[in-house]
Protein backbone atom coordinates (compact mmCIF):
# COMPACT_ATOMS: atom_id res chain seq x y z
CA UNK A 1 2.79 -10.57 -60.36
CA UNK A 2 -0.80 -9.57 -59.70
CA UNK A 3 -3.51 -7.73 -61.59
CA UNK A 4 -2.93 -4.62 -63.65
CA UNK A 5 -2.31 -1.69 -61.33
CA UNK A 6 -2.08 0.91 -64.11
CA UNK A 7 -3.79 1.12 -67.49
CA UNK A 8 -3.04 3.88 -69.99
CA UNK A 9 -5.31 4.13 -73.02
CA UNK A 10 -4.49 6.24 -76.10
CA UNK A 11 -2.74 8.88 -74.00
CA UNK A 12 -1.77 12.12 -75.72
CA UNK A 13 0.02 15.21 -74.48
CA UNK A 14 0.38 18.08 -76.94
CA UNK A 15 2.12 21.35 -76.19
CA UNK A 16 0.90 24.36 -78.18
CA UNK A 17 3.21 27.31 -78.79
CA UNK A 18 1.19 30.41 -79.55
CA UNK A 19 2.04 32.09 -82.81
CA UNK A 20 2.44 35.82 -83.12
CA UNK A 21 3.40 38.54 -85.58
CA UNK A 22 7.11 37.74 -85.27
CA UNK A 23 7.01 34.13 -84.03
CA UNK A 24 5.08 32.73 -86.99
CA UNK A 25 2.11 30.34 -86.99
CA UNK A 26 0.99 28.29 -84.01
CA UNK A 27 2.94 25.03 -83.54
CA UNK A 28 1.86 21.83 -81.82
CA UNK A 29 4.50 19.57 -80.26
CA UNK A 30 3.17 16.01 -79.93
CA UNK A 31 5.29 14.93 -76.96
CA UNK A 32 3.10 11.90 -76.22
CA UNK A 33 1.11 10.75 -79.23
CA UNK A 34 -1.40 7.99 -78.53
CA UNK A 35 0.31 5.65 -76.06
CA UNK A 36 -1.43 2.63 -74.56
CA UNK A 37 0.18 0.34 -72.00
CA UNK A 38 -0.58 -1.70 -68.90
CA UNK A 39 1.56 -2.24 -65.81
CA UNK A 40 1.02 -5.21 -63.52
CA UNK A 41 1.35 -4.87 -59.79
CA UNK A 42 4.85 -5.85 -58.71
CA UNK A 43 6.59 -5.49 -62.08
CA UNK A 44 9.18 -3.03 -63.38
CA UNK A 45 8.31 -1.60 -66.79
CA UNK A 46 11.20 0.12 -68.55
CA UNK A 47 10.63 3.06 -70.91
CA UNK A 48 13.60 3.70 -73.20
CA UNK A 49 14.41 5.94 -76.14
CA UNK A 50 16.53 8.86 -77.28
CA UNK A 51 16.43 12.21 -75.52
CA UNK A 52 13.34 14.15 -76.54
CA UNK A 53 11.21 11.11 -77.40
CA UNK A 54 8.66 11.94 -74.67
CA UNK A 55 9.66 9.52 -71.88
CA UNK A 56 9.64 12.03 -69.03
CA UNK A 57 6.51 13.74 -70.34
CA UNK A 58 4.77 10.36 -70.33
CA UNK A 59 5.75 9.78 -66.69
CA UNK A 60 4.58 13.21 -65.56
CA UNK A 61 1.33 12.88 -67.47
CA UNK A 62 0.58 9.51 -65.85
CA UNK A 63 1.01 11.15 -62.43
CA UNK A 64 -1.12 14.11 -63.55
CA UNK A 65 1.71 16.49 -62.75
CA UNK A 66 0.74 17.80 -66.17
CA UNK A 67 -2.72 17.29 -67.66
CA UNK A 68 -3.23 14.98 -70.62
CA UNK A 69 -4.61 16.33 -73.89
CA UNK A 70 -6.56 13.12 -74.57
CA UNK A 71 -6.76 9.55 -73.35
CA UNK A 72 -7.40 7.72 -70.08
CA UNK A 73 -5.22 6.93 -67.07
CA UNK A 74 -6.71 4.25 -64.82
CA UNK A 75 -4.82 3.58 -61.57
CA UNK A 76 -6.04 0.89 -59.18
CA UNK A 77 -9.40 0.89 -60.95
CA UNK A 78 -9.88 4.67 -60.72
CA UNK A 79 -9.82 6.98 -63.75
CA UNK A 80 -7.52 9.79 -62.65
CA UNK A 81 -8.96 12.45 -64.98
CA UNK A 82 -12.30 12.19 -63.17
CA UNK A 83 -10.77 13.15 -59.80
CA UNK A 84 -10.93 16.62 -58.32
CA UNK A 85 -7.77 18.37 -57.18
CA UNK A 86 -8.33 17.27 -53.57
CA UNK A 87 -9.11 13.69 -54.60
CA UNK A 88 -6.00 13.62 -56.79
CA UNK A 89 -3.90 14.89 -53.89
CA UNK A 90 -5.02 11.92 -51.81
CA UNK A 91 -4.45 9.52 -54.71
CA UNK A 92 -0.93 10.85 -55.21
CA UNK A 93 0.04 9.25 -51.90
CA UNK A 94 -0.05 5.97 -53.85
CA UNK A 95 1.91 7.37 -56.83
CA UNK A 96 5.32 8.95 -56.34
CA UNK A 97 8.29 9.92 -58.49
CA UNK A 98 12.07 9.82 -58.14
CA UNK A 99 13.56 12.65 -60.19
CA UNK A 100 16.63 12.61 -62.40
CA UNK A 101 18.59 15.36 -60.64
CA UNK A 102 18.53 14.98 -56.84
CA UNK A 103 20.26 18.34 -56.42
CA UNK A 104 17.44 20.18 -58.18
CA UNK A 105 14.57 18.18 -56.66
CA UNK A 106 15.51 18.74 -52.99
CA UNK A 107 14.85 22.07 -51.28
CA UNK A 108 18.34 23.38 -50.33
CA UNK A 109 16.92 25.20 -47.29
CA UNK A 110 15.49 22.06 -45.69
CA UNK A 111 17.41 19.49 -43.66
CA UNK A 112 17.23 15.76 -44.33
CA UNK A 113 14.76 15.35 -41.49
CA UNK A 114 12.52 18.12 -42.80
CA UNK A 115 12.62 16.78 -46.36
CA UNK A 116 11.46 13.33 -45.27
CA UNK A 117 8.97 14.71 -42.73
CA UNK A 118 7.15 16.86 -45.30
CA UNK A 119 5.29 13.96 -47.05
CA UNK A 120 4.52 12.50 -43.61
CA UNK A 121 2.83 15.78 -42.66
CA UNK A 122 0.81 15.67 -45.90
CA UNK A 123 -0.22 12.03 -45.93
CA UNK A 124 0.08 10.95 -42.29
CA UNK A 125 -1.31 13.80 -40.15
CA UNK A 126 -2.46 11.28 -37.55
CA UNK A 127 1.14 10.40 -36.66
CA UNK A 128 2.53 11.79 -33.44
CA UNK A 129 5.92 13.52 -33.36
CA UNK A 130 7.54 10.40 -31.92
CA UNK A 131 5.96 8.18 -34.58
CA UNK A 132 7.18 10.57 -37.28
CA UNK A 133 10.75 10.39 -35.97
CA UNK A 134 10.62 6.60 -35.88
CA UNK A 135 9.39 6.57 -39.49
CA UNK A 136 12.10 9.04 -40.57
CA UNK A 137 14.84 6.97 -38.94
CA UNK A 138 13.42 3.81 -40.50
CA UNK A 139 13.49 5.38 -43.98
CA UNK A 140 17.04 6.66 -43.47
CA UNK A 141 18.17 3.17 -42.44
CA UNK A 142 16.32 1.72 -45.43
CA UNK A 143 18.15 3.87 -47.98
CA UNK A 144 21.53 3.82 -46.26
CA UNK A 145 21.75 7.34 -44.81
CA UNK A 146 23.31 7.63 -41.34
CA UNK A 147 20.89 8.81 -38.68
CA UNK A 148 23.42 11.33 -37.44
CA UNK A 149 22.97 13.25 -40.74
CA UNK A 150 19.39 14.18 -39.84
CA UNK A 151 20.17 17.90 -39.46
CA UNK A 152 22.39 18.25 -42.50
CA UNK A 153 21.41 20.08 -45.69
CA UNK A 154 21.42 18.61 -49.25
CA UNK A 155 24.58 20.48 -50.32
CA UNK A 156 26.54 18.59 -47.65
CA UNK A 157 26.00 15.28 -49.44
CA UNK A 158 27.35 13.63 -52.58
CA UNK A 159 25.11 13.07 -55.61
CA UNK A 160 24.50 9.43 -54.69
CA UNK A 161 23.57 10.33 -51.11
CA UNK A 162 21.20 13.06 -52.32
CA UNK A 163 19.47 10.55 -54.56
CA UNK A 164 19.08 8.22 -51.57
CA UNK A 165 17.40 11.09 -49.70
CA UNK A 166 15.11 11.64 -52.69
CA UNK A 167 14.20 7.94 -52.66
CA UNK A 168 13.44 8.10 -48.91
CA UNK A 169 11.26 11.16 -49.49
CA UNK A 170 9.31 9.37 -52.25
CA UNK A 171 8.80 6.29 -50.08
CA UNK A 172 7.67 8.30 -47.03
CA UNK A 173 4.18 8.62 -48.52
CA UNK A 174 3.82 4.83 -48.71
CA UNK A 175 3.29 4.55 -52.49
CA UNK A 176 2.36 1.51 -54.55
CA UNK A 177 3.63 2.88 -57.88
CA UNK A 178 6.93 4.77 -58.21
CA UNK A 179 8.02 6.39 -61.47
CA UNK A 180 11.83 6.51 -61.66
CA UNK A 181 12.71 9.27 -64.12
CA UNK A 182 16.31 8.49 -65.11
CA UNK A 183 17.28 8.20 -61.41
CA UNK A 184 20.94 7.31 -62.02
CA UNK A 185 21.83 9.28 -65.17
CA UNK A 186 23.15 12.25 -63.15
CA UNK A 187 25.33 10.04 -60.90
CA UNK A 188 28.94 8.91 -61.19
CA UNK A 189 29.37 5.51 -62.82
CA UNK A 190 30.79 4.08 -59.60
CA UNK A 191 27.61 5.01 -57.69
CA UNK A 192 25.01 3.97 -60.26
CA UNK A 193 25.14 0.24 -59.46
CA UNK A 194 24.67 0.94 -55.73
CA UNK A 195 21.57 3.07 -56.30
CA UNK A 196 20.13 0.61 -58.84
CA UNK A 197 20.60 -2.27 -56.40
CA UNK A 198 18.93 -0.18 -53.68
CA UNK A 199 15.94 0.56 -55.94
CA UNK A 200 15.62 -3.14 -56.77
CA UNK A 201 15.95 -4.18 -53.14
CA UNK A 202 13.26 -1.71 -52.03
CA UNK A 203 10.94 -2.94 -54.76
CA UNK A 204 11.13 -6.46 -53.33
CA UNK A 205 10.95 -5.55 -49.64
CA UNK A 206 8.12 -3.01 -49.99
CA UNK A 207 6.30 -4.79 -52.85
CA UNK A 208 6.47 -1.75 -55.12
CA UNK A 209 5.64 -1.34 -58.79
CA UNK A 210 8.03 0.73 -60.93
CA UNK A 211 7.99 2.54 -64.24
CA UNK A 212 11.69 2.99 -64.91
CA UNK A 213 12.55 5.68 -67.48
CA UNK A 214 16.03 5.65 -68.99
CA UNK A 215 18.00 6.16 -72.19
CA UNK A 216 20.57 3.56 -71.06
CA UNK A 217 19.61 0.11 -72.34
CA UNK A 218 22.23 -1.58 -70.15
CA UNK A 219 20.62 -0.14 -67.02
CA UNK A 220 17.15 -1.16 -68.21
CA UNK A 221 18.31 -4.71 -68.86
CA UNK A 222 19.70 -4.90 -65.33
CA UNK A 223 16.53 -3.87 -63.49
CA UNK A 224 13.39 -4.17 -65.67
CA UNK A 225 11.10 -7.10 -66.41
CA UNK A 226 9.39 -5.60 -69.49
CA UNK A 227 10.57 -2.86 -71.83
CA UNK A 228 8.73 -0.32 -73.99
CA UNK A 229 10.77 1.47 -76.67
CA UNK A 230 9.64 5.00 -77.54
CA UNK A 231 10.32 7.04 -80.65
CA UNK A 232 8.94 10.53 -81.24
CA UNK A 233 6.07 10.24 -78.77
CA UNK A 234 5.00 6.70 -79.67
CA UNK A 235 5.79 3.18 -78.49
CA UNK A 236 7.38 1.24 -81.35
CA UNK A 237 8.10 -2.02 -79.51
CA UNK A 238 6.99 -3.60 -76.24
CA UNK A 239 8.05 -6.99 -74.90
CA UNK A 240 9.48 -8.94 -72.00
CA UNK A 241 13.08 -8.00 -71.38
CA UNK A 242 14.62 -11.29 -72.50
CA UNK A 243 12.57 -11.44 -75.71
CA UNK A 244 13.33 -7.83 -76.62
CA UNK A 245 17.08 -8.10 -76.09
CA UNK A 246 17.39 -11.51 -77.70
CA UNK A 247 15.16 -10.82 -80.70
CA UNK A 248 14.49 -7.11 -81.31
CA UNK A 249 11.96 -6.71 -84.11
CA UNK A 250 11.62 -2.99 -84.80
CA UNK A 251 14.55 -1.46 -86.77
CA UNK A 252 14.84 1.33 -84.20
CA UNK A 253 15.18 -1.16 -81.34
CA UNK A 254 17.78 -3.07 -83.33
CA UNK A 255 19.80 0.12 -83.79
CA UNK A 256 19.64 1.01 -80.09
CA UNK A 257 20.72 -2.45 -78.99
CA UNK A 258 23.57 -2.55 -81.49
CA UNK A 259 25.12 0.45 -79.72
CA UNK A 260 25.45 -1.32 -76.34
CA UNK A 261 29.13 -2.10 -75.65
CA UNK A 262 29.65 -5.76 -74.73
CA UNK A 263 32.88 -7.20 -73.28
CA UNK A 264 32.67 -10.44 -75.26
CA UNK A 265 33.32 -9.81 -78.98
CA UNK A 266 31.44 -13.00 -79.86
CA UNK A 267 28.21 -11.54 -78.50
CA UNK A 268 28.47 -8.13 -80.12
CA UNK A 269 25.89 -7.10 -82.70
CA UNK A 270 26.79 -5.43 -85.96
CA UNK A 271 26.67 -1.69 -85.33
CA UNK A 272 23.70 -0.04 -87.04
CA UNK A 273 24.28 3.63 -87.77
CA UNK A 274 21.05 5.56 -88.20
CA UNK A 275 21.11 8.20 -90.90
CA UNK A 276 19.80 11.71 -90.33
CA UNK A 277 18.54 13.41 -87.20
CA UNK A 278 15.45 12.83 -85.08
CA UNK A 279 12.57 14.71 -86.79
CA UNK A 280 11.10 17.78 -85.17
CA UNK A 281 8.19 16.67 -82.91
CA UNK A 282 6.38 19.87 -83.90
CA UNK A 283 6.47 18.69 -87.51
CA UNK A 284 6.69 14.87 -87.51
CA UNK A 285 6.82 13.01 -90.83
CA UNK A 286 3.67 11.45 -92.25
CA UNK A 287 3.18 7.71 -92.01
CA UNK A 288 5.67 5.89 -89.81
CA UNK A 289 7.61 8.47 -87.80
CA UNK A 290 10.77 6.40 -88.21
CA UNK A 291 10.69 5.93 -91.99
CA UNK A 292 13.12 8.80 -92.74
CA UNK A 293 15.87 6.96 -90.84
CA UNK A 294 14.80 3.36 -91.41
CA UNK A 295 16.95 1.27 -93.81
CA UNK A 296 13.94 -0.94 -94.66
CA UNK A 297 11.32 1.76 -95.32
CA UNK A 298 8.84 1.16 -98.15
CA UNK A 299 6.33 3.41 -99.89
CA UNK A 300 3.67 2.24 -97.45
CA UNK A 301 5.79 3.45 -94.52
CA UNK A 302 5.78 6.97 -95.96
CA UNK A 303 2.00 7.30 -95.97
CA UNK A 304 0.48 4.83 -93.46
CA UNK A 305 1.19 4.92 -89.72
CA UNK A 306 1.74 1.41 -88.29
CA UNK A 307 -0.32 0.21 -85.31
CA UNK A 308 1.28 -1.40 -82.26
CA UNK A 309 0.37 -5.04 -82.90
CA UNK A 310 1.03 -8.26 -80.98
CA UNK A 311 2.84 -10.56 -83.43
CA UNK A 312 4.06 -13.04 -80.80
CA UNK A 313 2.65 -13.69 -77.31
CA UNK A 314 3.53 -10.62 -75.23
CA UNK A 315 5.66 -9.09 -78.01
CA UNK A 316 4.29 -5.98 -79.75
CA UNK A 317 5.73 -3.86 -82.56
CA UNK A 318 4.56 -0.89 -84.62
CA UNK A 319 6.18 -1.78 -87.94
CA UNK A 320 4.58 -2.73 -91.27
CA UNK A 321 7.36 -5.18 -92.14
CA UNK A 322 7.11 -7.03 -88.81
CA UNK A 323 3.33 -7.23 -88.97
CA UNK A 324 3.37 -8.47 -92.56
CA UNK A 325 5.72 -11.30 -91.59
C-alpha cells in the first residue's frame, strides 16, 4: 500500500431541526461527531456499526454530497472544503460511490448504455462516440453484464445485475476512491458473495481504494484490511482486521463480534447481550456515549468522554478501561 490518499480530521456533521410553537425547542442531531481517520492508497477500510450510527452520513460527507459542519477532508493532498462547486465537480471524478439500493439509484427511464454513458459525457467529453461505446462494452464485460443487454432498462434485471450496473456506472468516471455504502445488504444471500468477489477483483485489477460501509461484520471480515467501529457518530475502535477480530478491545466491538454465527462451536464467543436501546443522537449521554449499555462502565465513564488512543501499534480504542491498562 502507498501513501495516505484520504485524511479526515475531526469531521462533524450536525443536522438541526428547527423548533416551532408546536414542535418544541430546536434539536441538534450529531450524526458524525468528531471523526478522524486516514485511508492508504490501495487499502479497503471497513466502517461498521448498528443502523443509525452515522456510517452512511460519514461516507456522504467525505464525498461532499452533504457539507460538513466542522473538520477537514483532505483527498490526494487537496482540502475539499476549499474547492468551488466547479472544482469539486472535477474532483468527484476521482471519488465515486456505490449505493445500497441499486433499484433506487438507477434512473428507471434510462437504458444500461445510457446509464454508463452519462459519467463518460461528464468526465470524458473528449471521447468520440466510438470510443464511448468501446468503454461501455469494456465496463459491461468487467462487471459481468452481457453486451446484448445494452438497450434494456433497470427493471428488466435482477437485484444483483442492477448492482453490477451501478458498479459499472461508478467505475466509468475512472475513480481512485470508491465508497461502497452497504452494497450487498439489499441483495439475496446467494448473490452477495458474487458481488463481493467482483468488488474485490475490481479493486485489484484497477488499483482502487475502498471505504466499505456495512453493518455485517462477516462481510467486512471477508473483504476489508482495516476496520473502524462506529457508535453514535464516533469511532470507538480502529485496527487491522486480524487484530480486531482476534482481540477486540472496546466492549461494544466485543458485543458485535459475539453475535456473529460461526459453524465451529469451539470458535464461538460467549454471546454478549447489550442492555437498553441505542441513545437518541439528538440527546446523547454525557461522557462516554456507550456507558449506559456498557457492563464495565465506571463513574468516570459517565462524565468524561474517552479519546481514541493508540494502545498497541495500529490498534486504537476510545475506552477509559482500555487506555488505563
